[in-house]
Amino acid sequence: MNKNQTEWVFGIHALESVLEQSPENIIHIMVAGNSNNPRLQKIISLARDLGLKLTKESVNKLN
């Protein structure tokens, strides 16, 4: 990806793939703050371990 381009990634599967293959391309992760999905919790943990910016947002804001 060109450094001057922004690409949005949506969905747990797509985000897992980017985290595994090229986490250096991630600028910011936004997740639903009220989700108890174990796969999402794994993503949150991995993002924190990698020192990535992560915020929990309301579902309304994400839609």
PDB file of N, CA and C in Angstrom:
ATOM      1  N   MET A   1       0.839  -1.173   0.000  1.00  0.00           N
ATOM      2  CA  MET A   1       0.000   0.000   0.000  1.00  0.00           C
ATOM      3  C   MET A   1       0.886   1.237   0.000  1.00  0.00           C
ATOM      4  N   ASN A   2       0.525   2.211  -0.785  1.00  0.00           N
ATOM      5  CA  ASN A   2       1.222   3.488  -0.841  1.00  0.00           C
ATOM      6  C   ASN A   2       1.024   4.227   0.475  1.00  0.00           C
ATOM      7  N   LYS A   3       2.081   4.818   1.023  1.00  0.00           N
ATOM      8  CA  LYS A   3       1.992   5.503   2.309  1.00  0.00           C
ATOM      9  C   LYS A   3       1.039   6.688   2.276  1.00  0.00           C
ATOM     10  N   ASN A   4       0.707   7.198   1.085  1.00  0.00           N
ATOM     11  CA  ASN A   4      -0.204   8.326   0.969  1.00  0.00           C
ATOM     12  C   ASN A   4      -1.655   7.885   0.845  1.00  0.00           C
ATOM     13  N   GLN A   5      -1.906   6.601   0.883  1.00  0.00           N
ATOM     14  CA  GLN A   5      -3.259   6.079   0.749  1.00  0.00           C
ATOM     15  C   GLN A   5      -3.745   5.543   2.085  1.00  0.00           C
ATOM     16  N   THR A   6      -5.039   5.694   2.312  1.00  0.00           N
ATOM     17  CA  THR A   6      -5.670   5.110   3.483  1.00  0.00           C
ATOM     18  C   THR A   6      -6.615   4.025   3.005  1.00  0.00           C
ATOM     19  N   GLU A   7      -6.507   2.873   3.607  1.00  0.00           N
ATOM     20  CA  GLU A   7      -7.386   1.761   3.259  1.00  0.00           C
ATOM     21  C   GLU A   7      -8.070   1.292   4.531  1.00  0.00           C
ATOM     22  N   TRP A   8      -9.380   1.215   4.489  1.00  0.00           N
ATOM     23  CA  TRP A   8     -10.152   0.746   5.632  1.00  0.00           C
ATOM     24  C   TRP A   8     -10.331  -0.765   5.523  1.00  0.00           C
ATOM     25  N   VAL A   9     -10.204  -1.452   6.646  1.00  0.00           N
ATOM     26  CA  VAL A   9     -10.403  -2.899   6.687  1.00  0.00           C
ATOM     27  C   VAL A   9     -11.562  -3.159   7.636  1.00  0.00           C
ATOM     28  N   PHE A  10     -12.556  -3.897   7.172  1.00  0.00           N
ATOM     29  CA  PHE A  10     -13.735  -4.191   7.976  1.00  0.00           C
ATOM     30  C   PHE A  10     -13.842  -5.688   8.213  1.00  0.00           C
ATOM     31  N   GLY A  11     -14.205  -6.066   9.414  1.00  0.00           N
ATOM     32  CA  GLY A  11     -14.482  -7.459   9.715  1.00  0.00           C
ATOM     33  C   GLY A  11     -13.354  -8.159  10.447  1.00  0.00           C
ATOM     34  N   ILE A  12     -13.740  -9.099  11.271  1.00  0.00           N
ATOM     35  CA  ILE A  12     -12.794  -9.828  12.111  1.00  0.00           C
ATOM     36  C   ILE A  12     -11.802 -10.622  11.267  1.00  0.00           C
ATOM     37  N   HIS A  13     -12.289 -11.340  10.261  1.00  0.00           N
ATOM     38  CA  HIS A  13     -11.397 -12.173   9.445  1.00  0.00           C
ATOM     39  C   HIS A  13     -10.370 -11.324   8.710  1.00  0.00           C
ATOM     40  N   ALA A  14     -10.832 -10.232   8.116  1.00  0.00           N
ATOM     41  CA  ALA A  14      -9.920  -9.358   7.364  1.00  0.00           C
ATOM     42  C   ALA A  14      -8.888  -8.730   8.291  1.00  0.00           C
ATOM     43  N   LEU A  15      -9.323  -8.283   9.457  1.00  0.00           N
ATOM     44  CA  LEU A  15      -8.393  -7.658  10.401  1.00  0.00           C
ATOM     45  C   LEU A  15      -7.381  -8.667  10.930  1.00  0.00           C
ATOM     46  N   GLU A  16      -7.824  -9.876  11.217  1.00  0.00           N
ATOM     47  CA  GLU A  16      -6.888 -10.923  11.646  1.00  0.00           C
ATOM     48  C   GLU A  16      -5.806 -11.141  10.596  1.00  0.00           C
ATOM     49  N   SER A  17      -6.208 -11.167   9.352  1.00  0.00           N
ATOM     50  CA  SER A  17      -5.260 -11.384   8.262  1.00  0.00           C
ATOM     51  C   SER A  17      -4.221 -10.270   8.197  1.00  0.00           C
ATOM     52  N   VAL A  18      -4.658  -9.025   8.291  1.00  0.00           N
ATOM     53  CA  VAL A  18      -3.716  -7.901   8.245  1.00  0.00           C
ATOM     54  C   VAL A  18      -2.802  -7.923   9.468  1.00  0.00           C
ATOM     55  N   LEU A  19      -3.347  -8.223  10.634  1.00  0.00           N
ATOM     56  CA  LEU A  19      -2.525  -8.296  11.849  1.00  0.00           C
ATOM     57  C   LEU A  19      -1.443  -9.363  11.725  1.00  0.00           C
ATOM     58  N   GLU A  20      -1.765 -10.481  11.102  1.00  0.00           N
ATOM     59  CA  GLU A  20      -0.802 -11.570  10.958  1.00  0.00           C
ATOM     60  C   GLU A  20       0.224 -11.299   9.860  1.00  0.00           C
ATOM     61  N   GLN A  21      -0.209 -10.671   8.770  1.00  0.00           N
ATOM     62  CA  GLN A  21       0.662 -10.521   7.605  1.00  0.00           C
ATOM     63  C   GLN A  21       1.424  -9.205   7.551  1.00  0.00           C
ATOM     64  N   SER A  22       0.806  -8.116   7.986  1.00  0.00           N
ATOM     65  CA  SER A  22       1.483  -6.815   7.862  1.00  0.00           C
ATOM     66  C   SER A  22       0.978  -5.811   8.895  1.00  0.00           C
ATOM     67  N   PRO A  23       1.193  -6.098  10.177  1.00  0.00           N
ATOM     68  CA  PRO A  23       0.706  -5.187  11.218  1.00  0.00           C
ATOM     69  C   PRO A  23       1.327  -3.795  11.138  1.00  0.00           C
ATOM     70  N   GLU A  24       2.471  -3.676  10.481  1.00  0.00           N
ATOM     71  CA  GLU A  24       3.120  -2.369  10.355  1.00  0.00           C
ATOM     72  C   GLU A  24       2.299  -1.413   9.495  1.00  0.00           C
ATOM     73  N   ASN A  25       1.335  -1.923   8.752  1.00  0.00           N
ATOM     74  CA  ASN A  25       0.480  -1.079   7.919  1.00  0.00           C
ATOM     75  C   ASN A  25      -0.754  -0.564   8.655  1.00  0.00           C
ATOM     76  N   ILE A  26      -0.936  -0.984   9.890  1.00  0.00           N
ATOM     77  CA  ILE A  26      -2.116  -0.576  10.654  1.00  0.00           C
ATOM     78  C   ILE A  26      -1.812   0.712  11.399  1.00  0.00           C
ATOM     79  N   ILE A  27      -2.706   1.681  11.236  1.00  0.00           N
ATOM     80  CA  ILE A  27      -2.563   2.963  11.919  1.00  0.00           C
ATOM     81  C   ILE A  27      -3.426   3.000  13.175  1.00  0.00           C
ATOM     82  N   HIS A  28      -4.658   2.495  13.070  1.00  0.00           N
ATOM     83  CA  HIS A  28      -5.618   2.621  14.162  1.00  0.00           C
ATOM     84  C   HIS A  28      -6.665   1.526  14.005  1.00  0.00           C
ATOM     85  N   ILE A  29      -7.013   0.887  15.108  1.00  0.00           N
ATOM     86  CA  ILE A  29      -8.065  -0.128  15.104  1.00  0.00           C
ATOM     87  C   ILE A  29      -9.215   0.390  15.954  1.00  0.00           C
ATOM     88  N   MET A  30     -10.425   0.309  15.411  1.00  0.00           N
ATOM     89  CA  MET A  30     -11.627   0.672  16.159  1.00  0.00           C
ATOM     90  C   MET A  30     -12.499  -0.573  16.264  1.00  0.00           C
ATOM     91  N   VAL A  31     -12.934  -0.877  17.478  1.00  0.00           N
ATOM     92  CA  VAL A  31     -13.777  -2.048  17.697  1.00  0.00           C
ATOM     93  C   VAL A  31     -15.007  -1.635  18.494  1.00  0.00           C
ATOM     94  N   ALA A  32     -16.050  -2.455  18.391  1.00  0.00           N
ATOM     95  CA  ALA A  32     -17.256  -2.219  19.175  1.00  0.00           C
ATOM     96  C   ALA A  32     -16.932  -2.445  20.644  1.00  0.00           C
ATOM     97  N   GLY A  33     -17.206  -1.458  21.450  1.00  0.00           N
ATOM     98  CA  GLY A  33     -16.837  -1.504  22.861  1.00  0.00           C
ATOM     99  C   GLY A  33     -17.605  -2.503  23.687  1.00  0.00           C
ATOM    100  N   ASN A  34     -18.738  -2.967  23.186  1.00  0.00           N
ATOM    101  CA  ASN A  34     -19.565  -3.871  23.980  1.00  0.00           C
ATOM    102  C   ASN A  34     -19.514  -5.319  23.495  1.00  0.00           C
ATOM    103  N   SER A  35     -18.570  -5.646  22.663  1.00  0.00           N
ATOM    104  CA  SER A  35     -18.505  -6.998  22.101  1.00  0.00           C
ATOM    105  C   SER A  35     -17.791  -7.958  23.045  1.00  0.00           C
ATOM    106  N   ASN A  36     -18.382  -9.129  23.205  1.00  0.00           N
ATOM    107  CA  ASN A  36     -17.758 -10.188  24.008  1.00  0.00           C
ATOM    108  C   ASN A  36     -17.273 -11.332  23.127  1.00  0.00           C
ATOM    109  N   ASN A  37     -17.156 -11.082  21.831  1.00  0.00           N
ATOM    110  CA  ASN A  37     -16.730 -12.097  20.879  1.00  0.00           C
ATOM    111  C   ASN A  37     -15.292 -12.522  21.195  1.00  0.00           C
ATOM    112  N   PRO A  38     -15.051 -13.807  21.447  1.00  0.00           N
ATOM    113  CA  PRO A  38     -13.697 -14.268  21.771  1.00  0.00           C
ATOM    114  C   PRO A  38     -12.669 -13.953  20.681  1.00  0.00           C
ATOM    115  N   ARG A  39     -13.068 -14.012  19.421  1.00  0.00           N
ATOM    116  CA  ARG A  39     -12.127 -13.700  18.336  1.00  0.00           C
ATOM    117  C   ARG A  39     -11.758 -12.223  18.361  1.00  0.00           C
ATOM    118  N   LEU A  40     -12.728 -11.369  18.685  1.00  0.00           N
ATOM    119  CA  LEU A  40     -12.438  -9.942  18.780  1.00  0.00           C
ATOM    120  C   LEU A  40     -11.534  -9.676  19.978  1.00  0.00           C
ATOM    121  N   GLN A  41     -11.756 -10.385  21.067  1.00  0.00           N
ATOM    122  CA  GLN A  41     -10.897 -10.221  22.240  1.00  0.00           C
ATOM    123  C   GLN A  41      -9.457 -10.622  21.911  1.00  0.00           C
ATOM    124  N   LYS A  42      -9.292 -11.642  21.089  1.00  0.00           N
ATOM    125  CA  LYS A  42      -7.955 -12.061  20.647  1.00  0.00           C
ATOM    126  C   LYS A  42      -7.295 -10.953  19.828  1.00  0.00           C
ATOM    127  N   ILE A  43      -8.065 -10.322  18.942  1.00  0.00           N
ATOM    128  CA  ILE A  43      -7.544  -9.218  18.131  1.00  0.00           C
ATOM    129  C   ILE A  43      -7.125  -8.057  19.023  1.00  0.00           C
ATOM    130  N   ILE A  44      -7.953  -7.726  20.001  1.00  0.00           N
ATOM    131  CA  ILE A  44      -7.641  -6.629  20.922  1.00  0.00           C
ATOM    132  C   ILE A  44      -6.342  -6.923  21.662  1.00  0.00           C
ATOM    133  N   SER A  45      -6.198  -8.138  22.151  1.00  0.00           N
ATOM    134  CA  SER A  45      -4.986  -8.527  22.871  1.00  0.00           C
ATOM    135  C   SER A  45      -3.754  -8.443  21.976  1.00  0.00           C
ATOM    136  N   LEU A  46      -3.864  -8.950  20.762  1.00  0.00           N
ATOM    137  CA  LEU A  46      -2.745  -8.915  19.824  1.00  0.00           C
ATOM    138  C   LEU A  46      -2.382  -7.475  19.473  1.00  0.00           C
ATOM    139  N   ALA A  47      -3.381  -6.647  19.225  1.00  0.00           N
ATOM    140  CA  ALA A  47      -3.126  -5.242  18.890  1.00  0.00           C
ATOM    141  C   ALA A  47      -2.393  -4.543  20.028  1.00  0.00           C
ATOM    142  N   ARG A  48      -2.805  -4.805  21.241  1.00  0.00           N
ATOM    143  CA  ARG A  48      -2.132  -4.192  22.401  1.00  0.00           C
ATOM    144  C   ARG A  48      -0.701  -4.706  22.529  1.00  0.00           C
ATOM    145  N   ASP A  49      -0.507  -5.999  22.318  1.00  0.00           N
ATOM    146  CA  ASP A  49       0.846  -6.568  22.379  1.00  0.00           C
ATOM    147  C   ASP A  49       1.766  -5.935  21.340  1.00  0.00           C
ATOM    148  N   LEU A  50       1.198  -5.583  20.178  1.00  0.00           N
ATOM    149  CA  LEU A  50       1.975  -4.970  19.102  1.00  0.00           C
ATOM    150  C   LEU A  50       2.120  -3.460  19.274  1.00  0.00           C
ATOM    151  N   GLY A  51       1.459  -2.908  20.298  1.00  0.00           N
ATOM    152  CA  GLY A  51       1.545  -1.473  20.544  1.00  0.00           C
ATOM    153  C   GLY A  51       0.741  -0.636  19.559  1.00  0.00           C
ATOM    154  N   LEU A  52      -0.295  -1.221  18.979  1.00  0.00           N
ATOM    155  CA  LEU A  52      -1.115  -0.506  18.004  1.00  0.00           C
ATOM    156  C   LEU A  52      -2.170   0.337  18.703  1.00  0.00           C
ATOM    157  N   LYS A  53      -2.520   1.455  18.081  1.00  0.00           N
ATOM    158  CA  LYS A  53      -3.570   2.313  18.615  1.00  0.00           C
ATOM    159  C   LYS A  53      -4.902   1.597  18.448  1.00  0.00           C
ATOM    160  N   LEU A  54      -5.642   1.475  19.547  1.00  0.00           N
ATOM    161  CA  LEU A  54      -6.911   0.775  19.529  1.00  0.00           C
ATOM    162  C   LEU A  54      -7.905   1.555  20.371  1.00  0.00           C
ATOM    163  N   THR A  55      -9.086   1.788  19.829  1.00  0.00           N
ATOM    164  CA  THR A  55     -10.141   2.433  20.601  1.00  0.00           C
ATOM    165  C   THR A  55     -11.406   1.601  20.513  1.00  0.00           C
ATOM    166  N   LYS A  56     -12.174   1.645  21.587  1.00  0.00           N
ATOM    167  CA  LYS A  56     -13.477   0.987  21.618  1.00  0.00           C
ATOM    168  C   LYS A  56     -14.525   2.067  21.376  1.00  0.00           C
ATOM    169  N   GLU A  57     -15.384   1.814  20.406  1.00  0.00           N
ATOM    170  CA  GLU A  57     -16.387   2.787  19.982  1.00  0.00           C
ATOM    171  C   GLU A  57     -17.783   2.190  20.116  1.00  0.00           C
ATOM    172  N   SER A  58     -18.789   3.064  20.109  1.00  0.00           N
ATOM    173  CA  SER A  58     -20.168   2.588  20.111  1.00  0.00           C
ATOM    174  C   SER A  58     -20.478   1.981  18.746  1.00  0.00           C
ATOM    175  N   VAL A  59     -21.416   1.067  18.734  1.00  0.00           N
ATOM    176  CA  VAL A  59     -21.816   0.441  17.478  1.00  0.00           C
ATOM    177  C   VAL A  59     -22.346   1.504  16.521  1.00  0.00           C
ATOM    178  N   ASN A  60     -23.073   2.488  17.042  1.00  0.00           N
ATOM    179  CA  ASN A  60     -23.608   3.558  16.190  1.00  0.00           C
ATOM    180  C   ASN A  60     -22.497   4.316  15.484  1.00  0.00           C
ATOM    181  N   LYS A  61     -21.418   4.587  16.167  1.00  0.00           N
ATOM    182  CA  LYS A  61     -20.314   5.318  15.546  1.00  0.00           C
ATOM    183  C   LYS A  61     -19.639   4.473  14.468  1.00  0.00           C
ATOM    184  N   LEU A  62     -19.550   3.178  14.686  1.00  0.00           N
ATOM    185  CA  LEU A  62     -18.904   2.300  13.712  1.00  0.00           C
ATOM    186  C   LEU A  62     -19.763   2.080  12.472  1.00  0.00           C
ATOM    187  N   ASN A  63     -21.060   2.210  12.619  1.00  0.00           N
ATOM    188  CA  ASN A  63     -21.955   2.052  11.460  1.00  0.00           C
ATOM    189  C   ASN A  63     -21.941   3.335  10.697  1.00  0.00           C
TER     190      ASN A  63
END
